[in-house]
Amino acid sequence: MLIDEIQTGLAISRHELLLIIATAPKRYKVYQIDERNGQKRTIAQPARELKAIQYYLLENFLNKMPVHDIATAYVKGKNIKHNADFHRKSGFILKLDFVNFFNSIVPRDFDRVLRVNNMTLSSQDRSMLKNTLFWGQKTRTPVCLSIGAPTSPALSNIIMYDIDVFVANLAVQLDARVTRYADDITVSADSMDQLLRFERNFAHHLSRTSSPKLKLNDDKRGIYSRGERRMVTGLVVTPDQKISIGRARKREISTLIHTTSLGQLLPEEILYLKGYLAFANSIEPEFQSSMKRKYGLELITFIMSYQPEGF
C-alpha cells in the first residue's frame, strides 16, 4: 500500500501519519498577496509535516504519471525561456489564460485520472491521496488544489493531460504551435485567422469538458502581431526573433548594481540582485556581459558570489 511506503520512507509512526492525513486539508497557512492588476491572490501554504508527505508523493508517485509534451511549467529540462523560444519565429501570438486555474481542479478530477491510468490503489490510498494533495479551504474535506503546495503544479499537469492532447492536435490541424505554462496557453502561427480558429475551437471544447471544469479568462486574453510588443510567459519576443527579459527589468537590475557600487544595498537586497542577475543570465547572457563592461568585472563577480554571514 502507498500509505505503508510513506510511513517507511518518512520514518514516521503509523498513528502520527494517520492523524496528519485525516486533518491534512485543514493544515494550511492562508494569506494573500497583491497582484499587478490590483487584485488579491490567495496562497495556501501546507504545514511542514504535510509538506513532507507531499514531497514524498511528488518524488515517488506523481512524477511517474504521464504529462503531455506541450506542458512547459514544472517539467524537468523546460522553463519559461523554452516556452517563449518555441514561438519566437511565428508572426502572430495568441495568449489565453484560465480563471482560478489551481482552485478549479478538484478531487473528482484526480479520481478520473486514476481510473484512466488504471491505477490499482486501495480505497485507503485513494482517500489518503485526495486528503494530502487537496486543500480543504478551512475544512477537513479536500476541496481543490492550492497555490502554495509543492504538489499542485505537477498534479495540474497530470490532470490537464487530456485537454493538452486536444490542444496539441488542434494546433497540428491548424498548422499552429502551442505550449501551456501552467494556466498560460500560448499559440502562435503565421496568420491571425489560424489563431482565431484555434481560439473558437478550444473555447467550444472547454465548454463541453466537465473534468477539469475550466473557464477562459477574457481579461488576460491577448493577440499580437510582429509589429507589437509580444510577451510570452513574462519574456519579450523581439522583432528580430530573440528572447529578452525586457527593458524594464534591465533598467531595474542596472539601478540595483549601481546602488550596490555605492554600498547602499542591504545584504538581503544584494541576495535578491544575485538571483535576479542569475535569472537574466539564463535568459539573455549577453546582458550580464554588458553589465560587466559598464560596472566592471570585479563588482559583478562580487554580486554573483555574495554570501553574507549567517546565511
C-alpha atoms as a PDB file:
ATOM      1  CA  MET A   1       0.000   0.000   0.000  1.00  0.00           C
ATOM      2  CA  LEU A   2       1.150   3.530  -0.744  1.00  0.00           C
ATOM      3  CA  ILE A   3       0.430   4.629   2.792  1.00  0.00           C
ATOM      4  CA  ASP A   4       2.844   1.972   4.080  1.00  0.00           C
ATOM      5  CA  GLU A   5       5.543   3.269   1.730  1.00  0.00           C
ATOM      6  CA  ILE A   6       5.102   6.798   3.079  1.00  0.00           C
ATOM      7  CA  GLN A   7       5.393   5.574   6.658  1.00  0.00           C
ATOM      8  CA  THR A   8       8.636   3.743   5.868  1.00  0.00           C
ATOM      9  CA  GLY A   9      10.047   6.491   3.659  1.00  0.00           C
ATOM     10  CA  LEU A  10       9.459   9.252   6.202  1.00  0.00           C
ATOM     11  CA  ALA A  11      10.207   7.100   9.286  1.00  0.00           C
ATOM     12  CA  ILE A  12       7.020   8.263  10.971  1.00  0.00           C
ATOM     13  CA  SER A  13       4.738   6.405  13.364  1.00  0.00           C
ATOM     14  CA  ARG A  14       1.521   4.983  11.958  1.00  0.00           C
ATOM     15  CA  HIS A  15      -0.553   6.916  14.481  1.00  0.00           C
ATOM     16  CA  GLU A  16       1.079  10.248  13.629  1.00  0.00           C
ATOM     17  CA  LEU A  17       0.823   9.638   9.870  1.00  0.00           C
ATOM     18  CA  LEU A  18      -2.878   8.770  10.043  1.00  0.00           C
ATOM     19  CA  LEU A  19      -3.549  11.853  12.174  1.00  0.00           C
ATOM     20  CA  ILE A  20      -1.811  14.136   9.664  1.00  0.00           C
ATOM     21  CA  ILE A  21      -3.686  12.545   6.751  1.00  0.00           C
ATOM     22  CA  ALA A  22      -7.074  12.835   8.484  1.00  0.00           C
ATOM     23  CA  THR A  23      -6.588  16.548   9.142  1.00  0.00           C
ATOM     24  CA  ALA A  24      -4.402  17.363   6.086  1.00  0.00           C
ATOM     25  CA  PRO A  25      -6.925  19.522   4.144  1.00  0.00           C
ATOM     26  CA  LYS A  26      -7.001  21.921   7.098  1.00  0.00           C
ATOM     27  CA  ARG A  27      -3.234  22.070   7.710  1.00  0.00           C
ATOM     28  CA  TYR A  28      -2.539  25.179   5.615  1.00  0.00           C
ATOM     29  CA  LYS A  29      -1.390  28.689   6.393  1.00  0.00           C
ATOM     30  CA  VAL A  30      -3.503  31.012   4.265  1.00  0.00           C
ATOM     31  CA  TYR A  31      -2.519  34.551   3.257  1.00  0.00           C
ATOM     32  CA  GLN A  32      -2.971  36.923   0.335  1.00  0.00           C
ATOM     33  CA  ILE A  33      -0.545  38.706  -1.956  1.00  0.00           C
ATOM     34  CA  ASP A  34      -1.136  41.696  -4.212  1.00  0.00           C
ATOM     35  CA  GLU A  35      -1.182  41.139  -7.972  1.00  0.00           C
ATOM     36  CA  ARG A  36      -0.142  43.708 -10.580  1.00  0.00           C
ATOM     37  CA  ASN A  37      -3.771  44.230 -11.612  1.00  0.00           C
ATOM     38  CA  GLY A  38      -4.674  45.343  -8.088  1.00  0.00           C
ATOM     39  CA  GLN A  39      -6.454  42.126  -7.158  1.00  0.00           C
ATOM     40  CA  LYS A  40      -5.519  39.719  -4.373  1.00  0.00           C
ATOM     41  CA  ARG A  41      -4.226  36.173  -4.844  1.00  0.00           C
ATOM     42  CA  THR A  42      -4.848  33.618  -2.089  1.00  0.00           C
ATOM     43  CA  ILE A  43      -1.869  31.470  -1.145  1.00  0.00           C
ATOM     44  CA  ALA A  44      -2.431  28.312   0.926  1.00  0.00           C
ATOM     45  CA  GLN A  45       0.898  27.012   2.232  1.00  0.00           C
ATOM     46  CA  PRO A  46       0.847  23.461   3.692  1.00  0.00           C
ATOM     47  CA  ALA A  47       2.225  22.919   7.189  1.00  0.00           C
ATOM     48  CA  ARG A  48       5.732  21.458   7.424  1.00  0.00           C
ATOM     49  CA  GLU A  49       4.596  17.922   8.325  1.00  0.00           C
ATOM     50  CA  LEU A  50       2.087  17.856   5.437  1.00  0.00           C
ATOM     51  CA  LYS A  51       4.615  19.314   3.023  1.00  0.00           C
ATOM     52  CA  ALA A  52       6.994  16.430   3.834  1.00  0.00           C
ATOM     53  CA  ILE A  53       4.310  13.929   2.769  1.00  0.00           C
ATOM     54  CA  GLN A  54       3.572  15.945  -0.372  1.00  0.00           C
ATOM     55  CA  TYR A  55       7.234  15.971  -1.383  1.00  0.00           C
ATOM     56  CA  TYR A  56       7.391  12.200  -0.879  1.00  0.00           C
ATOM     57  CA  LEU A  57       4.334  11.722  -3.090  1.00  0.00           C
ATOM     58  CA  LEU A  58       5.756  14.091  -5.689  1.00  0.00           C
ATOM     59  CA  GLU A  59       9.000  12.144  -5.998  1.00  0.00           C
ATOM     60  CA  ASN A  60       7.644   8.615  -5.660  1.00  0.00           C
ATOM     61  CA  PHE A  61       4.173   8.771  -7.205  1.00  0.00           C
ATOM     62  CA  LEU A  62       3.185  11.893  -9.130  1.00  0.00           C
ATOM     63  CA  ASN A  63       6.417  12.217 -11.111  1.00  0.00           C
ATOM     64  CA  LYS A  64       5.792   8.770 -12.594  1.00  0.00           C
ATOM     65  CA  MET A  65       2.448   9.755 -14.125  1.00  0.00           C
ATOM     66  CA  PRO A  66       2.141  10.964 -17.763  1.00  0.00           C
ATOM     67  CA  VAL A  67       2.486  14.649 -18.680  1.00  0.00           C
ATOM     68  CA  HIS A  68       1.982  15.932 -22.229  1.00  0.00           C
ATOM     69  CA  ASP A  69       4.864  17.446 -24.205  1.00  0.00           C
ATOM     70  CA  ILE A  70       3.142  20.832 -24.591  1.00  0.00           C
ATOM     71  CA  ALA A  71       3.378  21.363 -20.807  1.00  0.00           C
ATOM     72  CA  THR A  72       6.453  23.505 -20.131  1.00  0.00           C
ATOM     73  CA  ALA A  73       5.954  24.506 -16.481  1.00  0.00           C
ATOM     74  CA  TYR A  74       7.309  22.381 -13.618  1.00  0.00           C
ATOM     75  CA  VAL A  75       8.786  19.894 -16.088  1.00  0.00           C
ATOM     76  CA  LYS A  76      12.449  18.857 -15.854  1.00  0.00           C
ATOM     77  CA  GLY A  77      14.501  20.370 -18.653  1.00  0.00           C
ATOM     78  CA  LYS A  78      11.897  23.009 -19.513  1.00  0.00           C
ATOM     79  CA  ASN A  79      11.449  26.605 -18.337  1.00  0.00           C
ATOM     80  CA  ILE A  80       9.970  29.939 -19.384  1.00  0.00           C
ATOM     81  CA  LYS A  81      12.748  30.511 -21.942  1.00  0.00           C
ATOM     82  CA  HIS A  82      12.000  27.148 -23.557  1.00  0.00           C
ATOM     83  CA  ASN A  83       8.335  28.127 -23.631  1.00  0.00           C
ATOM     84  CA  ALA A  84       8.992  31.510 -25.264  1.00  0.00           C
ATOM     85  CA  ASP A  85      11.619  30.161 -27.666  1.00  0.00           C
ATOM     86  CA  PHE A  86       9.028  27.783 -29.144  1.00  0.00           C
ATOM     87  CA  HIS A  87       7.098  30.785 -30.515  1.00  0.00           C
ATOM     88  CA  ARG A  88       9.798  33.314 -31.415  1.00  0.00           C
ATOM     89  CA  LYS A  89       9.714  32.684 -35.200  1.00  0.00           C
ATOM     90  CA  SER A  90       5.936  32.991 -35.614  1.00  0.00           C
ATOM     91  CA  GLY A  91       4.328  36.149 -36.915  1.00  0.00           C
ATOM     92  CA  PHE A  92       1.276  36.181 -34.618  1.00  0.00           C
ATOM     93  CA  ILE A  93       0.871  35.148 -30.985  1.00  0.00           C
ATOM     94  CA  LEU A  94      -2.331  34.392 -29.041  1.00  0.00           C
ATOM     95  CA  LYS A  95      -2.272  34.326 -25.230  1.00  0.00           C
ATOM     96  CA  LEU A  96      -5.024  32.563 -23.309  1.00  0.00           C
ATOM     97  CA  ASP A  97      -5.442  32.123 -19.568  1.00  0.00           C
ATOM     98  CA  PHE A  98      -7.771  30.256 -17.215  1.00  0.00           C
ATOM     99  CA  VAL A  99      -9.843  31.718 -14.382  1.00  0.00           C
ATOM    100  CA  ASN A 100      -8.726  30.401 -10.941  1.00  0.00           C
ATOM    101  CA  PHE A 101      -6.746  27.565 -12.512  1.00  0.00           C
ATOM    102  CA  PHE A 102      -5.491  25.693  -9.433  1.00  0.00           C
ATOM    103  CA  ASN A 103      -8.657  26.241  -7.413  1.00  0.00           C
ATOM    104  CA  SER A 104     -10.753  24.907 -10.315  1.00  0.00           C
ATOM    105  CA  ILE A 105      -9.065  21.490 -10.130  1.00  0.00           C
ATOM    106  CA  VAL A 106     -10.921  19.271  -7.655  1.00  0.00           C
ATOM    107  CA  PRO A 107     -10.603  15.732  -6.205  1.00  0.00           C
ATOM    108  CA  ARG A 108     -13.001  14.143  -8.708  1.00  0.00           C
ATOM    109  CA  ASP A 109     -10.640  15.262 -11.490  1.00  0.00           C
ATOM    110  CA  PHE A 110      -7.889  13.226  -9.844  1.00  0.00           C
ATOM    111  CA  ASP A 111     -10.248  10.246  -9.468  1.00  0.00           C
ATOM    112  CA  ARG A 112     -10.812  10.361 -13.233  1.00  0.00           C
ATOM    113  CA  VAL A 113      -7.077  10.366 -13.929  1.00  0.00           C
ATOM    114  CA  LEU A 114      -6.526   7.390 -11.643  1.00  0.00           C
ATOM    115  CA  ARG A 115      -9.257   5.472 -13.486  1.00  0.00           C
ATOM    116  CA  VAL A 116      -7.937   6.378 -16.938  1.00  0.00           C
ATOM    117  CA  ASN A 117      -4.427   5.278 -15.981  1.00  0.00           C
ATOM    118  CA  ASN A 118      -5.719   2.039 -14.402  1.00  0.00           C
ATOM    119  CA  MET A 119      -4.047   2.816 -11.092  1.00  0.00           C
ATOM    120  CA  THR A 120      -4.705  -0.114  -8.750  1.00  0.00           C
ATOM    121  CA  LEU A 121      -4.948   1.596  -5.399  1.00  0.00           C
ATOM    122  CA  SER A 122      -6.797   0.633  -2.259  1.00  0.00           C
ATOM    123  CA  SER A 123      -9.671   2.796  -1.112  1.00  0.00           C
ATOM    124  CA  GLN A 124      -7.499   3.886   1.819  1.00  0.00           C
ATOM    125  CA  ASP A 125      -4.726   5.025  -0.521  1.00  0.00           C
ATOM    126  CA  ARG A 126      -7.188   6.906  -2.739  1.00  0.00           C
ATOM    127  CA  SER A 127      -8.641   8.688   0.261  1.00  0.00           C
ATOM    128  CA  MET A 128      -5.137   9.461   1.537  1.00  0.00           C
ATOM    129  CA  LEU A 129      -4.080  10.941  -1.814  1.00  0.00           C
ATOM    130  CA  LYS A 130      -7.075  13.261  -2.005  1.00  0.00           C
ATOM    131  CA  ASN A 131      -6.647  14.378   1.599  1.00  0.00           C
ATOM    132  CA  THR A 132      -2.944  15.112   1.303  1.00  0.00           C
ATOM    133  CA  LEU A 133      -2.994  16.693  -2.168  1.00  0.00           C
ATOM    134  CA  PHE A 134      -6.100  18.916  -1.994  1.00  0.00           C
ATOM    135  CA  TRP A 135      -6.693  21.957   0.183  1.00  0.00           C
ATOM    136  CA  GLY A 136      -9.829  21.994   2.362  1.00  0.00           C
ATOM    137  CA  GLN A 137     -10.404  25.774   2.447  1.00  0.00           C
ATOM    138  CA  LYS A 138     -10.534  25.768   6.286  1.00  0.00           C
ATOM    139  CA  THR A 139     -12.263  22.369   6.496  1.00  0.00           C
ATOM    140  CA  ARG A 140     -11.098  18.749   6.787  1.00  0.00           C
ATOM    141  CA  THR A 141     -12.718  17.905   3.455  1.00  0.00           C
ATOM    142  CA  PRO A 142     -10.474  18.104   0.362  1.00  0.00           C
ATOM    143  CA  VAL A 143     -11.861  20.809  -1.939  1.00  0.00           C
ATOM    144  CA  CYS A 144      -9.319  21.916  -4.561  1.00  0.00           C
ATOM    145  CA  LEU A 145      -5.652  22.407  -5.385  1.00  0.00           C
ATOM    146  CA  SER A 146      -3.936  25.275  -3.637  1.00  0.00           C
ATOM    147  CA  ILE A 147      -1.453  27.838  -4.837  1.00  0.00           C
ATOM    148  CA  GLY A 148       1.413  27.085  -2.478  1.00  0.00           C
ATOM    149  CA  ALA A 149       1.520  23.298  -2.253  1.00  0.00           C
ATOM    150  CA  PRO A 150       4.633  21.746  -3.879  1.00  0.00           C
ATOM    151  CA  THR A 151       2.472  19.055  -5.489  1.00  0.00           C
ATOM    152  CA  SER A 152      -0.104  21.352  -7.126  1.00  0.00           C
ATOM    153  CA  PRO A 153       1.974  22.190 -10.237  1.00  0.00           C
ATOM    154  CA  ALA A 154       2.758  18.543 -11.078  1.00  0.00           C
ATOM    155  CA  LEU A 155      -0.784  17.437 -10.287  1.00  0.00           C
ATOM    156  CA  SER A 156      -2.235  20.136 -12.538  1.00  0.00           C
ATOM    157  CA  ASN A 157      -0.061  18.909 -15.427  1.00  0.00           C
ATOM    158  CA  ILE A 158      -1.251  15.336 -14.844  1.00  0.00           C
ATOM    159  CA  ILE A 159      -4.917  16.323 -14.736  1.00  0.00           C
ATOM    160  CA  MET A 160      -4.571  18.555 -17.817  1.00  0.00           C
ATOM    161  CA  TYR A 161      -3.270  15.683 -19.981  1.00  0.00           C
ATOM    162  CA  ASP A 162      -6.489  15.086 -21.973  1.00  0.00           C
ATOM    163  CA  ILE A 163      -7.007  18.802 -22.615  1.00  0.00           C
ATOM    164  CA  ASP A 164      -3.354  19.067 -23.671  1.00  0.00           C
ATOM    165  CA  VAL A 165      -3.897  16.229 -26.152  1.00  0.00           C
ATOM    166  CA  PHE A 166      -6.825  18.101 -27.705  1.00  0.00           C
ATOM    167  CA  VAL A 167      -4.879  21.368 -27.821  1.00  0.00           C
ATOM    168  CA  ALA A 168      -1.826  19.737 -29.421  1.00  0.00           C
ATOM    169  CA  ASN A 169      -3.928  18.002 -32.083  1.00  0.00           C
ATOM    170  CA  LEU A 170      -5.847  21.196 -32.815  1.00  0.00           C
ATOM    171  CA  ALA A 171      -2.580  23.079 -33.314  1.00  0.00           C
ATOM    172  CA  VAL A 172      -1.395  20.445 -35.796  1.00  0.00           C
ATOM    173  CA  GLN A 173      -4.673  20.689 -37.741  1.00  0.00           C
ATOM    174  CA  LEU A 174      -4.333  24.469 -37.997  1.00  0.00           C
ATOM    175  CA  ASP A 175      -0.587  24.480 -38.658  1.00  0.00           C
ATOM    176  CA  ALA A 176      -0.012  26.413 -35.422  1.00  0.00           C
ATOM    177  CA  ARG A 177       2.331  25.991 -32.456  1.00  0.00           C
ATOM    178  CA  VAL A 178       1.157  25.698 -28.863  1.00  0.00           C
ATOM    179  CA  THR A 179       2.569  25.419 -25.341  1.00  0.00           C
ATOM    180  CA  ARG A 180       0.987  25.542 -21.904  1.00  0.00           C
ATOM    181  CA  TYR A 181       2.847  27.031 -18.952  1.00  0.00           C
ATOM    182  CA  ALA A 182       0.518  26.241 -16.017  1.00  0.00           C
ATOM    183  CA  ASP A 183      -2.614  28.305 -16.750  1.00  0.00           C
ATOM    184  CA  ASP A 184      -0.945  30.299 -19.534  1.00  0.00           C
ATOM    185  CA  ILE A 185      -1.556  28.933 -23.041  1.00  0.00           C
ATOM    186  CA  THR A 186       0.475  30.417 -25.884  1.00  0.00           C
ATOM    187  CA  VAL A 187      -0.444  29.756 -29.510  1.00  0.00           C
ATOM    188  CA  SER A 188       1.494  31.098 -32.479  1.00  0.00           C
ATOM    189  CA  ALA A 189       1.021  30.943 -36.241  1.00  0.00           C
ATOM    190  CA  ASP A 190       1.719  32.778 -39.474  1.00  0.00           C
ATOM    191  CA  SER A 191      -1.752  34.320 -39.738  1.00  0.00           C
ATOM    192  CA  MET A 192      -4.347  35.862 -37.448  1.00  0.00           C
ATOM    193  CA  ASP A 193      -7.050  33.623 -38.914  1.00  0.00           C
ATOM    194  CA  GLN A 194      -5.284  30.469 -37.703  1.00  0.00           C
ATOM    195  CA  LEU A 195      -5.231  31.806 -34.154  1.00  0.00           C
ATOM    196  CA  LEU A 196      -8.870  32.906 -34.166  1.00  0.00           C
ATOM    197  CA  ARG A 197      -9.958  29.483 -35.427  1.00  0.00           C
ATOM    198  CA  PHE A 198      -7.872  27.857 -32.696  1.00  0.00           C
ATOM    199  CA  GLU A 199      -9.492  30.051 -30.037  1.00  0.00           C
ATOM    200  CA  ARG A 200     -13.051  29.282 -31.201  1.00  0.00           C
ATOM    201  CA  ASN A 201     -12.455  25.535 -31.313  1.00  0.00           C
ATOM    202  CA  PHE A 202     -10.689  25.483 -27.973  1.00  0.00           C
ATOM    203  CA  ALA A 203     -13.390  27.540 -26.225  1.00  0.00           C
ATOM    204  CA  HIS A 204     -16.047  25.194 -27.615  1.00  0.00           C
ATOM    205  CA  HIS A 205     -14.119  22.157 -26.382  1.00  0.00           C
ATOM    206  CA  LEU A 206     -13.729  23.636 -22.893  1.00  0.00           C
ATOM    207  CA  SER A 207     -17.484  24.321 -22.686  1.00  0.00           C
ATOM    208  CA  ARG A 208     -18.114  20.619 -23.266  1.00  0.00           C
ATOM    209  CA  THR A 209     -15.406  19.354 -20.895  1.00  0.00           C
ATOM    210  CA  SER A 210     -16.550  18.586 -17.362  1.00  0.00           C
ATOM    211  CA  SER A 211     -13.253  17.389 -15.877  1.00  0.00           C
ATOM    212  CA  PRO A 212     -11.413  19.566 -15.221  1.00  0.00           C
ATOM    213  CA  LYS A 213     -14.053  22.279 -15.480  1.00  0.00           C
ATOM    214  CA  LEU A 214     -12.154  25.329 -16.643  1.00  0.00           C
ATOM    215  CA  LYS A 215     -13.099  28.742 -17.993  1.00  0.00           C
ATOM    216  CA  LEU A 216     -11.026  31.124 -20.084  1.00  0.00           C
ATOM    217  CA  ASN A 217     -10.138  34.461 -18.503  1.00  0.00           C
ATOM    218  CA  ASP A 218     -11.174  37.114 -21.024  1.00  0.00           C
ATOM    219  CA  ASP A 219      -9.329  39.818 -19.078  1.00  0.00           C
ATOM    220  CA  LYS A 220      -5.966  38.166 -19.771  1.00  0.00           C
ATOM    221  CA  ARG A 221      -6.581  37.277 -23.400  1.00  0.00           C
ATOM    222  CA  GLY A 222      -4.267  38.908 -25.920  1.00  0.00           C
ATOM    223  CA  ILE A 223      -3.354  38.591 -29.590  1.00  0.00           C
ATOM    224  CA  TYR A 224      -0.274  40.259 -31.076  1.00  0.00           C
ATOM    225  CA  SER A 225       1.468  40.692 -34.420  1.00  0.00           C
ATOM    226  CA  ARG A 226       5.203  41.003 -35.023  1.00  0.00           C
ATOM    227  CA  GLY A 227       5.000  44.792 -35.001  1.00  0.00           C
ATOM    228  CA  GLU A 228       3.646  44.841 -31.439  1.00  0.00           C
ATOM    229  CA  ARG A 229       5.265  44.127 -28.070  1.00  0.00           C
ATOM    230  CA  ARG A 230       4.952  40.348 -27.749  1.00  0.00           C
ATOM    231  CA  MET A 231       5.181  38.854 -24.259  1.00  0.00           C
ATOM    232  CA  VAL A 232       5.348  35.106 -23.652  1.00  0.00           C
ATOM    233  CA  THR A 233       5.304  33.974 -20.008  1.00  0.00           C
ATOM    234  CA  GLY A 234       6.872  37.234 -18.889  1.00  0.00           C
ATOM    235  CA  LEU A 235       9.582  37.335 -21.554  1.00  0.00           C
ATOM    236  CA  VAL A 236       9.774  39.574 -24.608  1.00  0.00           C
ATOM    237  CA  VAL A 237       9.945  38.167 -28.139  1.00  0.00           C
ATOM    238  CA  THR A 238      11.839  40.878 -30.033  1.00  0.00           C
ATOM    239  CA  PRO A 239      11.202  41.833 -33.685  1.00  0.00           C
ATOM    240  CA  ASP A 240      14.472  40.104 -34.647  1.00  0.00           C
ATOM    241  CA  GLN A 241      13.176  36.831 -33.126  1.00  0.00           C
ATOM    242  CA  LYS A 242      15.244  36.868 -29.936  1.00  0.00           C
ATOM    243  CA  ILE A 243      14.151  36.268 -26.331  1.00  0.00           C
ATOM    244  CA  SER A 244      14.736  39.126 -23.891  1.00  0.00           C
ATOM    245  CA  ILE A 245      13.995  39.911 -20.246  1.00  0.00           C
ATOM    246  CA  GLY A 246      12.749  43.324 -21.410  1.00  0.00           C
ATOM    247  CA  ARG A 247      13.902  46.895 -20.944  1.00  0.00           C
ATOM    248  CA  ALA A 248      12.141  47.477 -17.608  1.00  0.00           C
ATOM    249  CA  ARG A 249      13.902  44.545 -15.967  1.00  0.00           C
ATOM    250  CA  LYS A 250      17.238  45.613 -17.432  1.00  0.00           C
ATOM    251  CA  ARG A 251      16.814  49.127 -16.026  1.00  0.00           C
ATOM    252  CA  GLU A 252      15.891  47.744 -12.596  1.00  0.00           C
ATOM    253  CA  ILE A 253      18.900  45.428 -12.482  1.00  0.00           C
ATOM    254  CA  SER A 254      21.249  48.177 -13.651  1.00  0.00           C
ATOM    255  CA  THR A 255      19.932  50.514 -10.949  1.00  0.00           C
ATOM    256  CA  LEU A 256      20.428  47.863  -8.277  1.00  0.00           C
ATOM    257  CA  ILE A 257      24.003  47.219  -9.443  1.00  0.00           C
ATOM    258  CA  HIS A 258      24.754  50.951  -9.313  1.00  0.00           C
ATOM    259  CA  THR A 259      23.282  51.157  -5.797  1.00  0.00           C
ATOM    260  CA  THR A 260      25.437  48.195  -4.761  1.00  0.00           C
ATOM    261  CA  SER A 261      28.524  50.002  -6.054  1.00  0.00           C
ATOM    262  CA  LEU A 262      27.663  52.831  -3.674  1.00  0.00           C
ATOM    263  CA  GLY A 263      27.364  50.405  -0.744  1.00  0.00           C
ATOM    264  CA  GLN A 264      23.696  51.254  -0.231  1.00  0.00           C
ATOM    265  CA  LEU A 265      22.055  47.816  -0.544  1.00  0.00           C
ATOM    266  CA  LEU A 266      21.239  45.633   2.466  1.00  0.00           C
ATOM    267  CA  PRO A 267      22.522  42.009   2.473  1.00  0.00           C
ATOM    268  CA  GLU A 268      19.092  40.603   1.609  1.00  0.00           C
ATOM    269  CA  GLU A 269      18.797  43.111  -1.255  1.00  0.00           C
ATOM    270  CA  ILE A 270      22.152  42.018  -2.685  1.00  0.00           C
ATOM    271  CA  LEU A 271      20.972  38.395  -2.486  1.00  0.00           C
ATOM    272  CA  TYR A 272      17.838  39.421  -4.389  1.00  0.00           C
ATOM    273  CA  LEU A 273      20.032  41.108  -7.024  1.00  0.00           C
ATOM    274  CA  LYS A 274      22.234  38.000  -7.203  1.00  0.00           C
ATOM    275  CA  GLY A 275      19.202  35.855  -8.015  1.00  0.00           C
ATOM    276  CA  TYR A 276      17.869  38.446 -10.463  1.00  0.00           C
ATOM    277  CA  LEU A 277      21.196  38.523 -12.329  1.00  0.00           C
ATOM    278  CA  ALA A 278      21.290  34.723 -12.462  1.00  0.00           C
ATOM    279  CA  PHE A 279      17.790  34.716 -13.928  1.00  0.00           C
ATOM    280  CA  ALA A 280      18.737  37.351 -16.509  1.00  0.00           C
ATOM    281  CA  ASN A 281      21.844  35.385 -17.455  1.00  0.00           C
ATOM    282  CA  SER A 282      19.806  32.228 -18.029  1.00  0.00           C
ATOM    283  CA  ILE A 283      17.551  34.106 -20.467  1.00  0.00           C
ATOM    284  CA  GLU A 284      19.862  36.666 -22.070  1.00  0.00           C
ATOM    285  CA  PRO A 285      23.558  36.001 -21.292  1.00  0.00           C
ATOM    286  CA  GLU A 286      24.726  38.996 -23.313  1.00  0.00           C
ATOM    287  CA  PHE A 287      23.011  41.336 -20.806  1.00  0.00           C
ATOM    288  CA  GLN A 288      25.305  40.242 -17.983  1.00  0.00           C
ATOM    289  CA  SER A 289      28.260  40.790 -20.291  1.00  0.00           C
ATOM    290  CA  SER A 290      27.075  44.357 -20.895  1.00  0.00           C
ATOM    291  CA  MET A 291      26.788  44.903 -17.111  1.00  0.00           C
ATOM    292  CA  LYS A 292      30.397  43.711 -16.701  1.00  0.00           C
ATOM    293  CA  ARG A 293      31.525  46.229 -19.309  1.00  0.00           C
ATOM    294  CA  LYS A 294      29.515  49.019 -17.678  1.00  0.00           C
ATOM    295  CA  TYR A 295      30.252  48.381 -13.994  1.00  0.00           C
ATOM    296  CA  GLY A 296      33.377  46.242 -14.110  1.00  0.00           C
ATOM    297  CA  LEU A 297      34.018  42.524 -13.783  1.00  0.00           C
ATOM    298  CA  GLU A 298      35.010  42.852 -10.118  1.00  0.00           C
ATOM    299  CA  LEU A 299      31.646  44.264  -8.998  1.00  0.00           C
ATOM    300  CA  ILE A 300      29.556  41.719 -10.941  1.00  0.00           C
ATOM    301  CA  THR A 301      31.741  38.868  -9.630  1.00  0.00           C
ATOM    302  CA  PHE A 302      31.265  40.191  -6.088  1.00  0.00           C
ATOM    303  CA  ILE A 303      27.473  40.219  -6.502  1.00  0.00           C
ATOM    304  CA  MET A 304      27.309  36.769  -8.105  1.00  0.00           C
ATOM    305  CA  SER A 305      29.451  35.199  -5.367  1.00  0.00           C
ATOM    306  CA  TYR A 306      27.923  37.182  -2.485  1.00  0.00           C
ATOM    307  CA  GLN A 307      27.088  35.203   0.643  1.00  0.00           C
ATOM    308  CA  PRO A 308      26.562  37.229   3.821  1.00  0.00           C
ATOM    309  CA  GLU A 309      27.392  35.825   7.243  1.00  0.00           C
ATOM    310  CA  GLY A 310      24.593  33.877   8.832  1.00  0.00           C
ATOM    311  CA  PHE A 311      23.044  32.766   5.511  1.00  0.00           C
END
